[in-house]
Protein backbone atom coordinates (compact mmCIF):
# COMPACT_ATOMS: atom_id res chain seq x y z
CA UNK A 1 0.00 0.00 0.00
CA UNK A 2 1.61 3.24 -1.17
CA UNK A 3 2.16 5.76 1.57
CA UNK A 4 1.38 3.33 4.39
CA UNK A 5 4.18 2.36 6.76
CA UNK A 6 3.74 -1.42 6.93
CA UNK A 7 6.74 -3.46 7.98
CA UNK A 8 7.78 -6.39 10.11
CA UNK A 9 8.82 -4.16 13.00
CA UNK A 10 8.29 -0.52 13.90
CA UNK A 11 8.42 1.30 17.19
CA UNK A 12 5.04 1.15 18.90
CA UNK A 13 5.28 4.79 19.98
CA UNK A 14 3.99 7.33 17.46
CA UNK A 15 6.26 10.27 16.60
CA UNK A 16 3.64 12.96 17.21
CA UNK A 17 3.88 16.44 15.69
CA UNK A 18 3.96 19.56 17.79
CA UNK A 19 0.57 21.15 18.36
CA UNK A 20 -1.06 24.00 20.23
CA UNK A 21 -4.43 24.28 21.95
CA UNK A 22 -6.96 26.90 20.86
CA UNK A 23 -5.90 30.44 21.76
CA UNK A 24 -8.75 32.33 20.11
CA UNK A 25 -11.06 31.58 23.05
CA UNK A 26 -9.24 34.28 25.02
CA UNK A 27 -10.64 36.87 22.59
CA UNK A 28 -14.27 35.80 22.82
CA UNK A 29 -17.38 35.98 24.97
CA UNK A 30 -20.26 33.55 25.38
CA UNK A 31 -22.98 36.14 25.94
CA UNK A 32 -25.23 34.88 23.13
CA UNK A 33 -27.06 31.58 22.91
CA UNK A 34 -27.07 29.93 19.47
CA UNK A 35 -28.57 26.59 20.49
CA UNK A 36 -31.41 25.51 18.19
CA UNK A 37 -31.18 28.50 15.84
CA UNK A 38 -29.10 29.51 12.84
CA UNK A 39 -29.39 33.27 13.37
CA UNK A 40 -29.35 35.41 16.50
CA UNK A 41 -30.60 38.99 16.32
CA UNK A 42 -28.72 41.49 18.47
CA UNK A 43 -30.40 44.82 19.12
CA UNK A 44 -28.71 48.13 19.84
CA UNK A 45 -30.33 51.43 20.75
CA UNK A 46 -28.88 54.86 19.83
CA UNK A 47 -28.64 57.98 22.00
CA UNK A 48 -29.44 61.63 21.31
CA UNK A 49 -27.09 64.62 21.52
CA UNK A 50 -27.11 67.11 24.36
CA UNK A 51 -28.38 70.64 23.68
CA UNK A 52 -28.82 73.88 25.57
CA UNK A 53 -31.95 74.24 27.69
CA UNK A 54 -34.23 77.12 26.58
CA UNK A 55 -36.03 78.99 29.34
CA UNK A 56 -38.98 79.97 27.22
CA UNK A 57 -41.46 78.39 24.82
CA UNK A 58 -42.99 74.90 24.82
CA UNK A 59 -39.94 72.92 23.68
CA UNK A 60 -37.52 73.94 26.41
CA UNK A 61 -35.63 70.66 26.28
CA UNK A 62 -35.57 70.73 22.49
CA UNK A 63 -37.57 68.77 19.93
CA UNK A 64 -37.92 65.13 21.06
CA UNK A 65 -36.70 62.47 18.66
CA UNK A 66 -37.97 58.91 18.28
CA UNK A 67 -35.36 56.37 19.30
CA UNK A 68 -35.12 53.60 16.71
CA UNK A 69 -33.24 50.41 17.46
CA UNK A 70 -30.97 48.69 14.98
CA UNK A 71 -30.59 44.95 14.52
CA UNK A 72 -27.43 42.96 13.74
CA UNK A 73 -28.09 39.47 12.41
CA UNK A 74 -25.54 36.87 13.48
CA UNK A 75 -25.91 33.92 11.10
CA UNK A 76 -23.67 30.88 11.45
CA UNK A 77 -22.22 30.06 8.01
CA UNK A 78 -19.20 27.77 8.44
CA UNK A 79 -20.28 24.14 8.00
CA UNK A 80 -17.11 22.02 7.87
CA UNK A 81 -16.42 18.29 7.86
CA UNK A 82 -13.77 15.59 7.53
CA UNK A 83 -13.61 11.83 7.21
CA UNK A 84 -10.99 9.08 7.02
CA UNK A 85 -10.67 5.30 7.24
CA UNK A 86 -8.32 3.17 9.30
CA UNK A 87 -8.16 -0.28 7.78
CA UNK A 88 -7.96 -3.09 10.30
CA UNK A 89 -5.13 -4.72 8.35
CA UNK A 90 -3.14 -1.50 8.37
CA UNK A 91 -3.59 -1.21 12.11
CA UNK A 92 -2.54 -4.83 12.69
CA UNK A 93 0.58 -4.50 10.54
CA UNK A 94 1.71 -1.18 12.05
CA UNK A 95 1.99 -2.51 15.60
CA UNK A 96 -1.45 -1.07 16.50
CA UNK A 97 -0.32 2.59 16.31
CA UNK A 98 -3.15 3.37 13.87
CA UNK A 99 -5.73 3.84 16.62
CA UNK A 100 -8.99 5.50 15.55
CA UNK A 101 -9.54 7.39 18.78
CA UNK A 102 -6.01 8.79 18.81
CA UNK A 103 -6.27 9.64 15.12
CA UNK A 104 -9.47 11.60 15.79
CA UNK A 105 -7.85 13.51 18.65
CA UNK A 106 -4.90 14.27 16.36
CA UNK A 107 -7.27 15.56 13.65
CA UNK A 108 -8.95 17.90 16.12
CA UNK A 109 -5.81 19.42 17.58
CA UNK A 110 -3.84 19.68 14.32
CA UNK A 111 -6.56 20.59 11.82
CA UNK A 112 -9.85 21.66 13.42
CA UNK A 113 -8.46 23.89 16.18
CA UNK A 114 -5.99 25.76 13.91
CA UNK A 115 -8.72 26.39 11.31
CA UNK A 116 -11.06 27.81 13.98
CA UNK A 117 -8.39 30.06 15.48
CA UNK A 118 -7.26 31.29 12.06
CA UNK A 119 -10.84 32.20 11.14
CA UNK A 120 -11.40 34.08 14.40
CA UNK A 121 -8.19 36.10 14.11
CA UNK A 122 -8.93 36.90 10.46
CA UNK A 123 -12.43 38.13 11.37
CA UNK A 124 -11.05 40.38 14.09
CA UNK A 125 -8.42 41.81 11.74
CA UNK A 126 -11.00 42.50 9.03
CA UNK A 127 -13.18 44.33 11.55
CA UNK A 128 -10.30 46.55 12.64
CA UNK A 129 -9.54 47.33 9.00
CA UNK A 130 -13.16 48.37 8.39
CA UNK A 131 -13.22 50.69 11.40
CA UNK A 132 -9.80 52.18 10.66
CA UNK A 133 -8.29 50.87 13.90
CA UNK A 134 -5.07 49.89 12.13
CA UNK A 135 -1.44 50.79 11.79
CA UNK A 136 1.13 49.55 9.32
CA UNK A 137 4.29 51.12 10.72
CA UNK A 138 7.26 48.78 10.53
CA UNK A 139 8.03 47.25 13.92
CA UNK A 140 11.61 47.29 15.21
CA UNK A 141 13.24 46.59 18.55
CA UNK A 142 13.41 50.37 19.02
CA UNK A 143 9.68 51.05 18.61
CA UNK A 144 7.81 47.79 19.38
CA UNK A 145 6.65 48.92 22.82
CA UNK A 146 5.62 52.32 21.45
CA UNK A 147 3.50 50.65 18.75
CA UNK A 148 1.83 48.47 21.35
CA UNK A 149 1.08 51.51 23.55
CA UNK A 150 -0.34 53.33 20.52
CA UNK A 151 -2.85 50.52 20.08
CA UNK A 152 -3.70 50.75 23.77
CA UNK A 153 -4.21 54.49 23.36
CA UNK A 154 -6.58 54.04 20.40
CA UNK A 155 -8.75 51.63 22.37
CA UNK A 156 -8.66 53.85 25.45
CA UNK A 157 -9.80 56.90 23.50
CA UNK A 158 -12.79 54.85 22.32
CA UNK A 159 -13.77 53.92 25.89
CA UNK A 160 -12.80 50.25 25.62
CA UNK A 161 -12.32 48.93 29.18
CA UNK A 162 -8.70 49.05 30.31
CA UNK A 163 -8.84 45.75 32.14
CA UNK A 164 -9.36 42.48 30.33
CA UNK A 165 -7.70 43.41 27.05
CA UNK A 166 -5.74 40.75 25.16
CA UNK A 167 -2.95 41.24 22.63
CA UNK A 168 -2.32 38.36 20.22
CA UNK A 169 1.08 38.85 18.64
CA UNK A 170 3.43 37.00 16.37
CA UNK A 171 6.60 35.54 17.82
CA UNK A 172 8.53 38.00 15.67
CA UNK A 173 6.82 40.98 17.30
CA UNK A 174 7.17 39.45 20.76
CA UNK A 175 10.91 39.11 20.19
CA UNK A 176 11.14 42.76 19.14
CA UNK A 177 9.15 43.78 22.19
CA UNK A 178 11.51 41.92 24.49
CA UNK A 179 14.48 43.73 22.89
CA UNK A 180 12.90 47.18 23.19
CA UNK A 181 14.81 49.26 25.75
CA UNK A 182 11.62 51.12 26.69
CA UNK A 183 9.92 47.87 27.55
CA UNK A 184 12.99 46.73 29.47
CA UNK A 185 12.65 49.84 31.65
CA UNK A 186 8.97 49.15 32.25
CA UNK A 187 9.70 47.75 35.71
CA UNK A 188 10.64 44.76 37.78
CA UNK A 189 7.68 42.79 36.50
CA UNK A 190 8.96 43.05 32.93
CA UNK A 191 12.43 41.94 34.03
CA UNK A 192 10.99 38.92 35.80
CA UNK A 193 8.90 37.97 32.76
CA UNK A 194 11.91 38.25 30.46
CA UNK A 195 13.98 36.01 32.70
CA UNK A 196 11.32 33.32 32.29
CA UNK A 197 11.25 33.74 28.53
CA UNK A 198 7.61 34.88 28.38
CA UNK A 199 5.93 38.22 27.82
CA UNK A 200 2.99 37.77 30.20
CA UNK A 201 1.02 40.94 30.97
CA UNK A 202 2.01 44.44 29.90
CA UNK A 203 0.24 47.70 30.72
CA UNK A 204 -2.68 45.70 32.15
CA UNK A 205 -3.05 43.75 28.88
CA UNK A 206 -2.36 40.06 28.51
CA UNK A 207 0.18 39.26 25.77
CA UNK A 208 -0.35 35.96 23.95
CA UNK A 209 2.21 34.72 21.44
CA UNK A 210 0.55 33.05 18.45
CA UNK A 211 2.16 31.08 15.59
CA UNK A 212 2.30 33.19 12.44
CA UNK A 213 0.35 30.50 10.59
CA UNK A 214 -2.77 31.30 12.62
CA UNK A 215 -2.54 35.08 12.22
CA UNK A 216 -3.27 36.99 9.00
CA UNK A 217 -0.20 37.30 6.78
CA UNK A 218 1.85 40.32 7.86
CA UNK A 219 0.15 40.67 11.25
CA UNK A 220 2.37 41.95 14.07
CA UNK A 221 -0.36 42.00 16.70
CA UNK A 222 -4.11 42.09 17.28
CA UNK A 223 -5.35 44.01 20.30
CA UNK A 224 -8.89 43.31 21.47
CA UNK A 225 -11.26 42.81 24.39
CA UNK A 226 -13.45 39.71 24.89
CA UNK A 227 -16.59 41.87 24.99
CA UNK A 228 -16.17 42.62 21.28
CA UNK A 229 -16.66 39.23 19.67
CA UNK A 230 -18.38 35.89 19.97
CA UNK A 231 -17.53 32.75 17.98
CA UNK A 232 -20.06 29.98 18.61
CA UNK A 233 -19.35 26.36 17.87
CA UNK A 234 -22.97 25.50 17.23
CA UNK A 235 -22.39 21.84 16.40
CA UNK A 236 -19.43 19.59 17.10
CA UNK A 237 -20.12 16.01 16.08
CA UNK A 238 -17.42 13.36 15.86
CA UNK A 239 -18.07 9.66 15.17
CA UNK A 240 -16.04 6.47 15.02
CA UNK A 241 -17.88 3.68 13.18
CA UNK A 242 -16.54 0.21 14.00
CA UNK A 243 -16.64 -2.13 10.98
CA UNK A 244 -19.25 -0.18 8.99
CA UNK A 245 -20.69 -1.86 5.85
CA UNK A 246 -18.02 -2.35 3.19
CA UNK A 247 -15.06 -1.59 5.50
CA UNK A 248 -12.95 -3.86 7.65
CA UNK A 249 -11.83 -1.33 10.21
CA UNK A 250 -13.00 2.07 11.35
CA UNK A 251 -14.65 5.00 9.57
CA UNK A 252 -14.11 8.32 11.33
CA UNK A 253 -16.31 11.34 10.58
CA UNK A 254 -16.50 14.83 11.96
CA UNK A 255 -18.60 17.92 11.45
CA UNK A 256 -18.40 21.38 13.02
CA UNK A 257 -20.70 24.38 12.60
CA UNK A 258 -19.06 27.61 13.69
CA UNK A 259 -18.61 31.29 12.95
CA UNK A 260 -17.20 34.48 14.44
CA UNK A 261 -19.01 37.79 14.90
CA UNK A 262 -17.84 41.18 16.09
CA UNK A 263 -20.72 43.15 17.58
CA UNK A 264 -21.48 46.40 15.78
CA UNK A 265 -21.39 48.50 18.95
CA UNK A 266 -18.15 46.86 20.11
CA UNK A 267 -16.16 46.98 16.86
CA UNK A 268 -13.97 49.80 18.21
CA UNK A 269 -12.53 47.30 20.70
CA UNK A 270 -10.39 45.64 18.01
CA UNK A 271 -7.05 47.04 16.81
CA UNK A 272 -4.81 45.54 14.11
CA UNK A 273 -1.15 46.28 13.50
CA UNK A 274 0.44 44.90 10.37
CA UNK A 275 0.34 45.00 6.62
CA UNK A 276 -3.00 45.46 4.86
CA UNK A 277 -5.12 42.33 4.55
CA UNK A 278 -5.24 40.77 1.11
């Protein structure tokens, strides 16, 4: 069988690839219930401007305006699936390393989780680009901390809560940040974090290093707050069929319904630094 490692003797331990758990969950909230429905309607209500009070006439407070709500429809669109077969003969002749349950777990951590995270980060970046919360200045070890603080400033000026923010950055940007003299002078906490080889929390914002493959191409960092976005996994269904008709072995199937939404009234809570999205 081409491509199948079948031999008289192989090590029984599988040489597993490196993997990483989902990181996108740190950027999300679970404030909306998608169970049993495809679309959730989120309402927002505007305000009216202040005006000077007039001490005469019948409209002293001004002319009243009707408040009209707006509706954002959150419709789950990503319907993804996978399937594979583990032949019983292949399992027997590979010293039983071709286990269906382990293969399914491997599929989830190496394929499903990265796809979900990549989609979430892309959605956040696209939102920041639409609102203009972006910067494309080249990051260096001399200005990395300044660029990060600029993003913090943009969110602060738009009333995004100071606490709870999360910065998802590439390893390249994290390395520049750790070489920035301004960051090095940030305080004892920064020195302690550097000695442990991690970035940790800076300026009240959690710094999370993300593989470049999960971030949009050219992304240095994404700054956001969990109140801004929700990314429901509406359906996660994974099956292992033992000896199904026509197969001596196991048929593995999986399906996941998911999406990511940034709320209209919270879009200002996302900031993107990097090259323009293609």
